[in-house]
Every structure is written in C-alpha cells, then in structure tokens.
Amino acid sequence: MRFLLHIGELMVVSCVVELAMALPMAVYFHRITIFALPVNLFILPLLVVLMPAALITLLVALVWPAAAVVPAMLVALPLHFGTGLVRLFGSLTFGDFRIPAPLLWQSAAFCTLLGAAIVLAHQAVSTGTRWPRRTAWAALFLATLAAVAPRPIQHPHDALLMEAIDVGQGDSLLLITPDGKTLLVDGGGHGGGPRQAPQDFDIGEEVVSEVLWSRGIRCLDAVALTHGHSDHIGGLPAVLRNFHPTELWVGNNPRFGAYNALLNEAADLHIRLRSLRASDAFSLGNAQISVLAPFRNYQPGPEPTNNDSLVLHMTYGATSVMLEGDAEAPIEQAMLAEPGLQSTLLKVGHHGSSTSTRPEFMARVSPQWAVISCGLHNRYGHPRQEVLEALQAAKVRTFRTDINGATCFRLDGKTVAREPSCGWQR
C-alpha cells in the first residue's frame, strides 16, 4: 500500500511539472506533447526496480566482477523496456504539436495563474481542506491552456501581405491574403544545385518555421515548390512536418531523391498533392492565382533545372505579384505570349542572375517594386550588376534580402507599400 502511495505521489508531481513546463516548452521549443504523462506512468514504476538493481550491480562488480552479470540482467530488462516505451511514444506524431510562442498577455496570464495555484496548494496543505486543492488544480490547468491557446494570425486584414524571408542564398516567400489564407512558396536550403550535402542547420526548422510561428501560424493552407534545387526544396520537409499544409503545389519536376522524399513526406502527412500547369487559375481566399509556367508540353530533364520553375501570378484588386522562381530567359521568352504579365511587385528571378529578368520580360511585367532573395557575399555574384542597373533604369524600387534582410510588402488592392518592419512579433 505504501508503495502505491509513493507511486501516486510521484505521478502527481510529474503531472504538476508537465503542466508547469507548458510555457517554457512553448516559448523555447514551440512544442507541446500529450504523451509525457502517460510515459511517466510506465517509467516511474520501472525506476523503483531499476535503481536498486543498478546499485547492487555496482557493488557486486566491485567485489566479484564475473558475478555482476546476474544483477546487470535485472538492470538491462527494465532499462530496455523503458527506452523502448520512450521510442514508441516518441514516434507517435499525432500527440506532438508544434505551436507559436505565446503572446505577452498569455505569458502574463500563465504566470499569474501558476502563482495562484502555488498559493492555493500551500493553503490546502496548511489547512488540510479540499477546496483550495481543487482550485489549485483548476488554476494550473487554466494556466496551461492560456500558454498554448491558439492566437490569431498577425497580418493586415485589408491587404495581401508578401514577406521575402531571409534564408540566405535561397528562396522562401510567405503570402497571406486579407482573409487569412496562407501560402508558402519554397523553403530555402543550402547550396543551389540538385544535391544538398547533409547539414546540421535546418533552415526550414530554424528560420522559416520561426518566421511562421512569429505570426501565429499553426497550419498552412498551401505550400508551393517552384523547382527541385536544394536552395528551394531543402527547408520544406521541416515545414510540412511543423505546419501540415492542406495542399502541396508542384510543377513538372524530374523525380530524384530529395523530391521523392518530399512527396513521400506529404503522403505520410495526408497532404493533398496539386500538380499545376500554365493556364491553371484558381482563388486562394480573396486573392486570385494564375499559373504561367511550366507549360503543358514542357518536359523536364533527368536533373532539376531552373527552367522547371513553377511561375505564379497572384492578384488582389488592382495589385499583383509575380512569383518567378528561378525561371530563366527561355521560359521568360515563352511567357511573353501569355496575357496578364503586368505586376506591381516582382520577385526577381533566379536571385538576380543575368540569366533571368531579361529586358523584354521586365518591360511586359512593368513592376513598380521588386525584391531579390539572395545571400550576402554569395559565391554566384548575385544579384548581377546589369540586373540592378536595369531595375534602376526602369525606376523600380528594389529591395534585396542580403542587404535589407526580410522584406514585407502590403498590396491593398490599389497600391503597394513596403512594411517598415516585417515583424509583427519580432
């Protein structure tokens, strides 16, 4: 009976710790899990066996090492069983939630309710009455709910928002419609070719996800991959896992390792795959999207190339943004035959390379604003001086992530304006 009483006390302590850790877990790790407590239900009784067995094993090993095999077996059995349980529960992704950091008022509410719970618990111990104890539990649960409660997505409600996320030498663009529909185009990554060496730093987790969480985004409506180069696709697996988009938009890409892995990830997460081609048109919230490339007769090569790029044109009212990916001169030339290229904002193709944003194409697009996504002192020399001079000659107000950092634009249906700061929360 005393043993069961001790186990019960340990479980109460474990439950209190899990609830009290909700705020720091949300702030520092953007994560809450519902499995910590049930895992402890199994692990704590194992420790009652494991700790004495480990101590006996140590003592026997000091006196008679050969005989220590027997108590070591008693240690190994609960140890392997416990680690197996941790791996099992850790693999159940449906109980693991990634969430934005709480707002200031949520943190204040958590701290206030946690303090009230501590005072009530002390009162319950002092008086031996049940009412303060029950109220303390209620305050603790309310504190946890305050820390993890969803908050509204931070965006202008009267304009289409586009943020060029600073992912270094790569592309990642966040678009939020006035009615709150979210689209992420590319996820950044390392390198720039079809292959990417394993990296310790995951741009999708450490940069792109942080930007999305800072705006209160928990789920994305859509993620678009322009093409399969590593500086566009590299961060997307983490984004899919963290934000479970409803749809993944792709163009016509060759099948290779990273692309196949991304499609498998999407299938495992039950994300609907949407294959887009030129002349497709649809709405995302109260914005309109038309697809300009790849063309229906386009055939990709065995390896991903810039000309595989999915090119999107997004319109809200009389304002629009051209999302060119890395499309180069041949695709730009072919798009000249398409209507509706004029855009108030241009995401400059291929990081400002001289292979893109050719004079004829830029004349047809006729942007008032432009943004170039590139890394500081990158080895490719992007953006090229001739492209910058052409934009300047056309009186296009141009921003670049290597100098300006993350850059946000608001398209209110009449005009485009640059946000003085990209961070509603940052």
Protein backbone atom coordinates (compact mmCIF):
# COMPACT_ATOMS: atom_id res chain seq x y z
CA MET A 1 0.00 0.00 0.00
CA ARG A 2 2.85 2.38 0.88
CA PHE A 3 4.47 1.58 -2.48
CA LEU A 4 1.29 2.53 -4.35
CA LEU A 5 1.04 5.71 -2.28
CA HIS A 6 4.58 6.71 -3.29
CA ILE A 7 3.82 5.99 -6.95
CA GLY A 8 0.70 8.13 -6.71
CA GLU A 9 2.69 10.98 -5.19
CA LEU A 10 5.29 10.72 -7.95
CA MET A 11 2.56 10.84 -10.59
CA VAL A 12 1.05 13.96 -9.01
CA VAL A 13 4.48 15.62 -9.01
CA SER A 14 5.04 14.54 -12.63
CA CYS A 15 1.67 15.95 -13.68
CA VAL A 16 2.37 19.27 -11.95
CA VAL A 17 5.79 19.52 -13.61
CA GLU A 18 4.37 18.77 -17.07
CA LEU A 19 1.67 21.42 -16.71
CA ALA A 20 4.08 23.99 -15.25
CA MET A 21 6.53 23.43 -18.14
CA ALA A 22 3.92 24.31 -20.78
CA LEU A 23 5.06 27.94 -21.06
CA PRO A 24 8.83 27.35 -21.41
CA MET A 25 8.19 24.46 -23.82
CA ALA A 26 6.02 26.72 -26.00
CA VAL A 27 8.45 29.65 -25.84
CA TYR A 28 11.74 27.84 -26.42
CA PHE A 29 10.75 24.70 -28.33
CA HIS A 30 7.38 25.57 -29.95
CA ARG A 31 6.17 22.18 -28.83
CA ILE A 32 3.62 20.56 -26.55
CA THR A 33 3.07 16.84 -26.20
CA ILE A 34 0.30 14.84 -24.60
CA PHE A 35 2.49 11.76 -24.16
CA ALA A 36 4.86 12.85 -21.41
CA LEU A 37 2.46 12.00 -18.62
CA PRO A 38 1.44 8.50 -19.87
CA VAL A 39 5.11 7.69 -20.47
CA ASN A 40 5.85 8.63 -16.86
CA LEU A 41 3.04 6.34 -15.71
CA PHE A 42 5.08 3.42 -17.05
CA ILE A 43 8.59 4.73 -16.42
CA LEU A 44 8.28 5.68 -12.74
CA PRO A 45 7.42 2.13 -11.53
CA LEU A 46 10.36 0.84 -13.58
CA LEU A 47 12.69 3.19 -11.72
CA VAL A 48 11.67 1.55 -8.45
CA VAL A 49 13.20 -1.68 -9.79
CA LEU A 50 15.97 -0.13 -11.86
CA MET A 51 17.71 2.00 -9.24
CA PRO A 52 18.23 -0.73 -6.57
CA ALA A 53 19.28 -3.22 -9.27
CA ALA A 54 21.82 -0.75 -10.64
CA LEU A 55 23.24 -0.13 -7.15
CA ILE A 56 23.52 -3.88 -6.48
CA THR A 57 25.24 -4.37 -9.84
CA LEU A 58 27.80 -1.72 -8.97
CA LEU A 59 28.55 -3.22 -5.56
CA VAL A 60 28.85 -6.78 -6.92
CA ALA A 61 31.11 -5.57 -9.76
CA LEU A 62 33.48 -4.05 -7.19
CA VAL A 63 33.69 -7.32 -5.23
CA TRP A 64 33.27 -10.05 -7.87
CA PRO A 65 33.05 -8.69 -11.45
CA ALA A 66 32.09 -12.01 -13.04
CA ALA A 67 29.07 -12.36 -10.77
CA ALA A 68 27.80 -8.89 -11.70
CA VAL A 69 26.29 -10.38 -14.87
CA VAL A 70 23.23 -11.57 -12.96
CA PRO A 71 22.15 -8.24 -11.39
CA ALA A 72 23.16 -6.49 -14.64
CA MET A 73 20.49 -8.54 -16.42
CA LEU A 74 17.95 -7.21 -13.91
CA VAL A 75 19.11 -3.69 -14.81
CA ALA A 76 19.00 -4.30 -18.57
CA LEU A 77 15.44 -5.61 -18.65
CA PRO A 78 13.61 -2.52 -17.24
CA LEU A 79 16.13 -0.20 -18.92
CA HIS A 80 15.46 -1.58 -22.42
CA PHE A 81 11.74 -1.75 -21.74
CA GLY A 82 11.72 1.90 -20.63
CA THR A 83 13.75 3.17 -23.60
CA GLY A 84 11.50 1.16 -25.91
CA LEU A 85 8.44 2.88 -24.46
CA VAL A 86 10.04 6.29 -24.96
CA ARG A 87 10.82 5.47 -28.60
CA LEU A 88 7.30 4.13 -29.15
CA PHE A 89 5.55 7.21 -27.78
CA GLY A 90 8.11 9.47 -29.45
CA SER A 91 7.22 8.01 -32.84
CA LEU A 92 3.51 8.85 -32.42
CA THR A 93 3.45 12.21 -34.17
CA PHE A 94 -0.28 12.81 -33.64
CA GLY A 95 0.35 13.60 -29.97
CA ASP A 96 3.17 16.05 -30.66
CA PHE A 97 2.09 19.59 -31.56
CA ARG A 98 4.23 22.47 -32.83
CA ILE A 99 2.82 25.82 -31.77
CA PRO A 100 3.73 29.53 -31.92
CA ALA A 101 5.24 31.18 -28.87
CA PRO A 102 2.52 32.68 -26.66
CA LEU A 103 1.84 36.41 -26.70
CA LEU A 104 2.80 38.63 -23.78
CA TRP A 105 -0.70 38.55 -22.30
CA GLN A 106 -0.71 34.74 -22.49
CA SER A 107 2.60 34.55 -20.64
CA ALA A 108 1.34 37.01 -18.03
CA ALA A 109 -1.87 35.00 -17.56
CA PHE A 110 0.15 31.78 -17.21
CA CYS A 111 2.44 33.27 -14.55
CA THR A 112 -0.49 34.77 -12.64
CA LEU A 113 -2.48 31.52 -12.63
CA LEU A 114 0.60 29.47 -11.77
CA GLY A 115 1.28 31.76 -8.81
CA ALA A 116 -2.35 31.39 -7.70
CA ALA A 117 -2.05 27.61 -7.95
CA ILE A 118 1.06 27.63 -5.74
CA VAL A 119 -0.66 29.81 -3.11
CA LEU A 120 -3.78 27.63 -3.13
CA ALA A 121 -1.72 24.43 -2.90
CA HIS A 122 0.14 25.83 0.12
CA GLN A 123 -3.19 26.77 1.69
CA ALA A 124 -4.53 23.27 1.06
CA VAL A 125 -1.52 21.71 2.80
CA SER A 126 -1.77 24.14 5.73
CA THR A 127 -5.49 23.72 6.35
CA GLY A 128 -5.97 20.16 5.11
CA THR A 129 -9.09 21.18 3.21
CA ARG A 130 -10.03 20.01 -0.27
CA TRP A 131 -11.43 23.21 -1.75
CA PRO A 132 -8.07 25.01 -2.13
CA ARG A 133 -6.53 21.84 -3.60
CA ARG A 134 -9.21 21.51 -6.26
CA THR A 135 -8.99 25.22 -7.04
CA ALA A 136 -5.20 24.93 -7.31
CA TRP A 137 -5.57 22.17 -9.92
CA ALA A 138 -8.11 24.26 -11.81
CA ALA A 139 -5.75 27.27 -11.80
CA LEU A 140 -2.88 25.08 -13.03
CA PHE A 141 -4.92 23.69 -15.92
CA LEU A 142 -6.13 27.18 -16.86
CA ALA A 143 -2.51 28.40 -16.82
CA THR A 144 -1.56 25.66 -19.28
CA LEU A 145 -4.49 26.48 -21.53
CA ALA A 146 -3.51 30.16 -21.50
CA ALA A 147 0.02 29.29 -22.65
CA VAL A 148 -0.99 27.02 -25.53
CA ALA A 149 -4.25 28.63 -26.69
CA PRO A 150 -4.31 29.49 -30.42
CA ARG A 151 -3.85 33.14 -31.30
CA PRO A 152 -4.91 34.99 -34.44
CA ILE A 153 -2.54 35.12 -37.39
CA GLN A 154 -0.82 38.50 -37.45
CA HIS A 155 -1.37 40.10 -40.86
CA PRO A 156 -3.06 43.16 -42.35
CA HIS A 157 -6.77 42.49 -42.81
CA ASP A 158 -7.13 45.00 -45.63
CA ALA A 159 -4.20 43.92 -47.81
CA LEU A 160 -2.35 40.98 -49.32
CA LEU A 161 0.92 40.50 -47.43
CA MET A 162 4.07 39.17 -49.06
CA GLU A 163 7.19 38.54 -46.98
CA ALA A 164 10.51 37.64 -48.59
CA ILE A 165 12.04 35.58 -45.79
CA ASP A 166 15.78 35.98 -45.36
CA VAL A 167 17.05 32.44 -45.95
CA GLY A 168 20.43 33.46 -47.34
CA GLN A 169 21.19 32.22 -50.84
CA GLY A 170 17.78 30.68 -51.46
CA ASP A 171 14.10 31.46 -51.80
CA SER A 172 11.23 31.41 -49.34
CA LEU A 173 8.17 33.65 -49.65
CA LEU A 174 5.18 33.90 -47.33
CA LEU A 175 1.90 35.25 -48.67
CA ILE A 176 -1.19 35.90 -46.52
CA THR A 177 -4.44 37.02 -48.09
CA PRO A 178 -6.62 39.66 -46.38
CA ASP A 179 -8.96 36.91 -45.18
CA GLY A 180 -6.09 34.95 -43.63
CA LYS A 181 -5.30 32.24 -46.20
CA THR A 182 -1.62 31.31 -46.08
CA LEU A 183 0.77 30.24 -48.86
CA LEU A 184 4.48 29.49 -48.52
CA VAL A 185 6.47 29.42 -51.75
CA ASP A 186 9.71 27.43 -51.29
CA GLY A 187 11.52 26.75 -48.05
CA GLY A 188 15.11 27.82 -48.59
CA GLY A 189 18.02 25.45 -48.13
CA HIS A 190 21.76 25.13 -48.61
CA GLY A 191 23.59 25.05 -51.91
CA GLY A 192 21.82 25.65 -55.19
CA GLY A 193 22.02 22.50 -57.27
CA PRO A 194 20.06 19.26 -57.34
CA ARG A 195 22.07 17.76 -54.47
CA GLN A 196 22.48 19.04 -50.95
CA ALA A 197 25.01 17.65 -48.52
CA PRO A 198 23.65 16.80 -45.05
CA GLN A 199 23.56 19.93 -42.88
CA ASP A 200 23.45 20.37 -39.12
CA PHE A 201 21.44 23.58 -39.57
CA ASP A 202 17.92 23.04 -40.93
CA ILE A 203 16.75 26.31 -42.49
CA GLY A 204 13.17 25.05 -42.61
CA GLU A 205 13.15 24.42 -38.87
CA GLU A 206 15.39 27.21 -37.62
CA VAL A 207 14.47 30.08 -39.95
CA VAL A 208 11.29 29.55 -41.99
CA SER A 209 9.29 27.90 -39.21
CA GLU A 210 10.35 30.60 -36.75
CA VAL A 211 9.02 33.28 -39.12
CA LEU A 212 5.69 31.47 -39.48
CA TRP A 213 5.35 30.91 -35.75
CA SER A 214 6.14 34.58 -35.07
CA ARG A 215 2.96 35.45 -36.97
CA GLY A 216 0.88 32.94 -35.03
CA ILE A 217 0.61 30.44 -37.89
CA ARG A 218 -0.09 26.87 -36.83
CA CYS A 219 -1.20 25.39 -40.16
CA LEU A 220 -0.63 26.49 -43.74
CA ASP A 221 -3.28 26.39 -46.43
CA ALA A 222 -0.73 25.61 -49.15
CA VAL A 223 2.98 25.16 -49.77
CA ALA A 224 4.34 25.62 -53.30
CA LEU A 225 7.64 24.21 -54.55
CA THR A 226 8.92 26.13 -57.57
CA HIS A 227 11.57 23.55 -58.53
CA GLY A 228 13.85 20.93 -57.08
CA HIS A 229 17.09 22.82 -56.41
CA SER A 230 18.28 22.45 -52.84
CA ASP A 231 18.07 26.18 -52.03
CA HIS A 232 14.31 25.99 -52.65
CA ILE A 233 13.34 22.46 -51.53
CA GLY A 234 15.80 21.99 -48.65
CA GLY A 235 13.70 23.54 -45.87
CA LEU A 236 10.33 22.17 -46.96
CA PRO A 237 10.34 18.79 -45.16
CA ALA A 238 10.51 20.55 -41.78
CA VAL A 239 7.78 22.98 -42.87
CA LEU A 240 5.48 20.11 -43.87
CA ARG A 241 6.02 18.38 -40.53
CA ASN A 242 5.57 21.54 -38.47
CA PHE A 243 2.60 23.12 -40.28
CA HIS A 244 0.73 20.26 -42.02
CA PRO A 245 -0.42 22.28 -45.05
CA THR A 246 -3.67 21.32 -46.72
CA GLU A 247 -2.03 21.20 -50.17
CA LEU A 248 1.42 20.88 -51.72
CA TRP A 249 1.67 22.60 -55.11
CA VAL A 250 4.26 21.37 -57.61
CA GLY A 251 5.02 21.92 -61.28
CA ASN A 252 6.65 19.40 -63.63
CA ASN A 253 9.78 18.22 -61.84
CA PRO A 254 12.13 15.30 -62.52
CA ARG A 255 11.97 12.53 -59.96
CA PHE A 256 15.09 12.38 -57.80
CA GLY A 257 15.99 11.72 -54.18
CA ALA A 258 15.04 14.93 -52.37
CA TYR A 259 11.90 15.45 -54.45
CA ASN A 260 10.74 11.87 -53.94
CA ALA A 261 11.38 12.21 -50.21
CA LEU A 262 9.28 15.38 -50.11
CA LEU A 263 6.39 13.70 -51.92
CA ASN A 264 6.61 10.72 -49.55
CA GLU A 265 6.59 13.09 -46.57
CA ALA A 266 3.48 14.79 -47.94
CA ALA A 267 1.77 11.44 -48.48
CA ASP A 268 2.60 10.28 -44.94
CA LEU A 269 1.11 13.52 -43.56
CA HIS A 270 -2.00 13.20 -45.77
CA ILE A 271 -1.21 16.44 -47.60
CA ARG A 272 -3.06 16.73 -50.91
CA LEU A 273 -0.70 16.98 -53.90
CA ARG A 274 -1.72 19.50 -56.54
CA SER A 275 0.12 19.47 -59.87
CA LEU A 276 -0.08 22.84 -61.64
CA ARG A 277 0.49 23.81 -65.28
CA ALA A 278 0.32 27.02 -67.31
CA SER A 279 -3.25 28.37 -67.79
CA ASP A 280 -4.46 26.92 -64.47
CA ALA A 281 -6.32 29.56 -62.47
CA PHE A 282 -7.99 29.45 -59.07
CA SER A 283 -8.55 31.53 -55.94
CA LEU A 284 -6.81 31.46 -52.59
CA GLY A 285 -9.13 33.24 -50.22
CA ASN A 286 -9.96 36.59 -51.79
CA ALA A 287 -6.83 36.59 -53.98
CA GLN A 288 -6.62 35.14 -57.49
CA ILE A 289 -3.79 32.93 -58.71
CA SER A 290 -2.88 32.14 -62.31
CA VAL A 291 -0.13 29.71 -63.33
CA LEU A 292 2.25 30.90 -66.08
CA ALA A 293 4.72 28.01 -66.14
CA PRO A 294 5.60 25.17 -66.58
CA PHE A 295 3.87 24.83 -69.95
CA ARG A 296 1.80 21.75 -70.57
CA ASN A 297 4.22 20.43 -73.20
CA TYR A 298 7.28 21.07 -71.03
CA GLN A 299 9.46 18.02 -70.43
CA PRO A 300 12.00 18.21 -67.58
CA GLY A 301 15.44 16.66 -67.90
CA PRO A 302 16.88 13.94 -65.69
CA GLU A 303 18.06 16.51 -63.11
CA PRO A 304 16.22 19.59 -61.77
CA THR A 305 16.92 22.87 -63.56
CA ASN A 306 15.89 26.48 -63.12
CA ASN A 307 13.54 26.27 -66.08
CA ASP A 308 11.43 23.67 -64.25
CA SER A 309 10.19 26.60 -62.15
CA LEU A 310 6.54 26.93 -61.21
CA VAL A 311 5.70 30.57 -62.00
CA LEU A 312 2.68 32.06 -60.22
CA HIS A 313 0.89 35.37 -60.65
CA MET A 314 -1.17 36.43 -57.62
CA THR A 315 -3.69 39.24 -57.85
CA TYR A 316 -5.62 41.19 -55.24
CA GLY A 317 -7.74 44.00 -56.63
CA ALA A 318 -5.63 46.14 -58.95
CA THR A 319 -2.36 44.97 -57.35
CA SER A 320 -0.44 41.81 -58.15
CA VAL A 321 2.81 39.97 -57.52
CA MET A 322 4.84 37.91 -59.99
CA LEU A 323 6.49 34.90 -58.32
CA GLU A 324 9.07 33.86 -60.88
CA GLY A 325 11.06 31.23 -59.02
CA ASP A 326 14.32 30.70 -60.89
CA ALA A 327 12.86 30.79 -64.41
CA GLU A 328 15.46 31.80 -66.96
CA ALA A 329 15.39 33.58 -70.34
CA PRO A 330 13.84 30.75 -72.44
CA ILE A 331 10.84 30.46 -70.11
CA GLU A 332 10.54 34.23 -69.81
CA GLN A 333 10.55 34.48 -73.60
CA ALA A 334 7.82 31.84 -73.87
CA MET A 335 5.70 33.61 -71.24
CA LEU A 336 5.68 36.78 -73.34
CA ALA A 337 2.91 35.18 -75.39
CA GLU A 338 0.73 34.95 -72.28
CA PRO A 339 -1.67 37.74 -71.26
CA GLY A 340 -1.71 39.32 -67.81
CA LEU A 341 2.01 39.53 -67.05
CA GLN A 342 1.82 43.09 -65.70
CA SER A 343 2.57 43.08 -61.97
CA THR A 344 3.01 45.78 -59.37
CA LEU A 345 5.54 43.65 -57.44
CA LEU A 346 8.15 41.30 -58.94
CA LYS A 347 10.05 38.59 -57.11
CA VAL A 348 13.13 38.81 -59.34
CA GLY A 349 14.00 35.51 -61.00
CA HIS A 350 17.00 33.38 -60.02
CA HIS A 351 18.26 35.64 -57.23
CA GLY A 352 19.06 38.48 -59.64
CA SER A 353 21.13 36.37 -62.04
CA SER A 354 21.79 37.68 -65.55
CA THR A 355 20.08 34.52 -66.86
CA SER A 356 16.70 35.96 -65.81
CA THR A 357 14.74 39.22 -65.77
CA ARG A 358 15.55 39.89 -69.41
CA PRO A 359 14.63 43.37 -70.76
CA GLU A 360 11.66 42.18 -72.81
CA PHE A 361 10.20 40.28 -69.89
CA MET A 362 10.70 43.11 -67.42
CA ALA A 363 9.11 45.55 -69.86
CA ARG A 364 5.99 43.37 -70.05
CA VAL A 365 5.80 42.85 -66.30
CA SER A 366 6.44 46.58 -65.73
CA PRO A 367 6.78 46.34 -61.93
CA GLN A 368 6.82 49.29 -59.57
CA TRP A 369 8.52 47.28 -56.82
CA ALA A 370 10.92 44.33 -56.83
CA VAL A 371 12.57 42.07 -54.28
CA ILE A 372 15.64 39.88 -54.75
CA SER A 373 16.25 36.90 -52.46
CA CYS A 374 19.99 36.23 -52.17
CA GLY A 375 22.74 35.65 -49.64
CA LEU A 376 25.32 38.20 -48.54
CA HIS A 377 28.61 37.83 -50.48
CA ASN A 378 27.33 34.66 -52.17
CA ARG A 379 29.72 32.78 -54.45
CA TYR A 380 27.48 33.24 -57.50
CA GLY A 381 27.79 37.03 -57.56
CA HIS A 382 24.01 37.51 -57.22
CA PRO A 383 22.44 39.90 -57.85
CA ARG A 384 24.26 40.82 -61.07
CA GLN A 385 25.10 44.45 -61.61
CA GLU A 386 23.40 44.59 -65.02
CA VAL A 387 20.12 43.41 -63.49
CA LEU A 388 20.31 46.04 -60.75
CA GLU A 389 21.07 48.73 -63.33
CA ALA A 390 18.13 47.63 -65.48
CA LEU A 391 15.79 47.80 -62.49
CA GLN A 392 17.14 51.21 -61.56
CA ALA A 393 16.77 52.48 -65.14
CA ALA A 394 13.12 51.33 -65.10
CA LYS A 395 12.62 53.22 -61.81
CA VAL A 396 11.68 50.01 -59.97
CA ARG A 397 12.06 50.32 -56.20
CA THR A 398 14.21 47.29 -55.43
CA PHE A 399 14.98 45.55 -52.15
CA ARG A 400 17.26 42.58 -51.52
CA THR A 401 17.42 40.22 -48.57
CA ASP A 402 21.22 40.20 -48.38
CA ILE A 403 21.20 43.92 -47.52
CA ASN A 404 17.66 44.69 -46.32
CA GLY A 405 17.00 41.36 -44.62
CA ALA A 406 13.45 40.01 -44.54
CA THR A 407 11.26 42.39 -46.51
CA CYS A 408 7.48 42.71 -46.37
CA PHE A 409 5.06 44.30 -48.82
CA ARG A 410 1.36 45.01 -48.47
CA LEU A 411 -0.84 45.07 -51.55
CA ASP A 412 -4.12 46.73 -50.61
CA GLY A 413 -5.78 46.30 -54.00
CA LYS A 414 -4.83 49.79 -55.14
CA THR A 415 -1.19 50.36 -54.27
CA VAL A 416 1.84 48.52 -52.95
CA ALA A 417 3.73 49.68 -49.87
CA ARG A 418 6.70 48.28 -48.04
CA GLU A 419 6.16 47.46 -44.40
CA PRO A 420 8.72 49.35 -42.26
CA SER A 421 9.19 46.18 -40.25
CA CYS A 422 8.47 42.57 -41.13
CA GLY A 423 7.92 41.58 -37.54
CA TRP A 424 4.51 41.92 -36.00
CA GLN A 425 6.08 39.99 -33.13
CA ARG A 426 9.81 40.01 -33.94
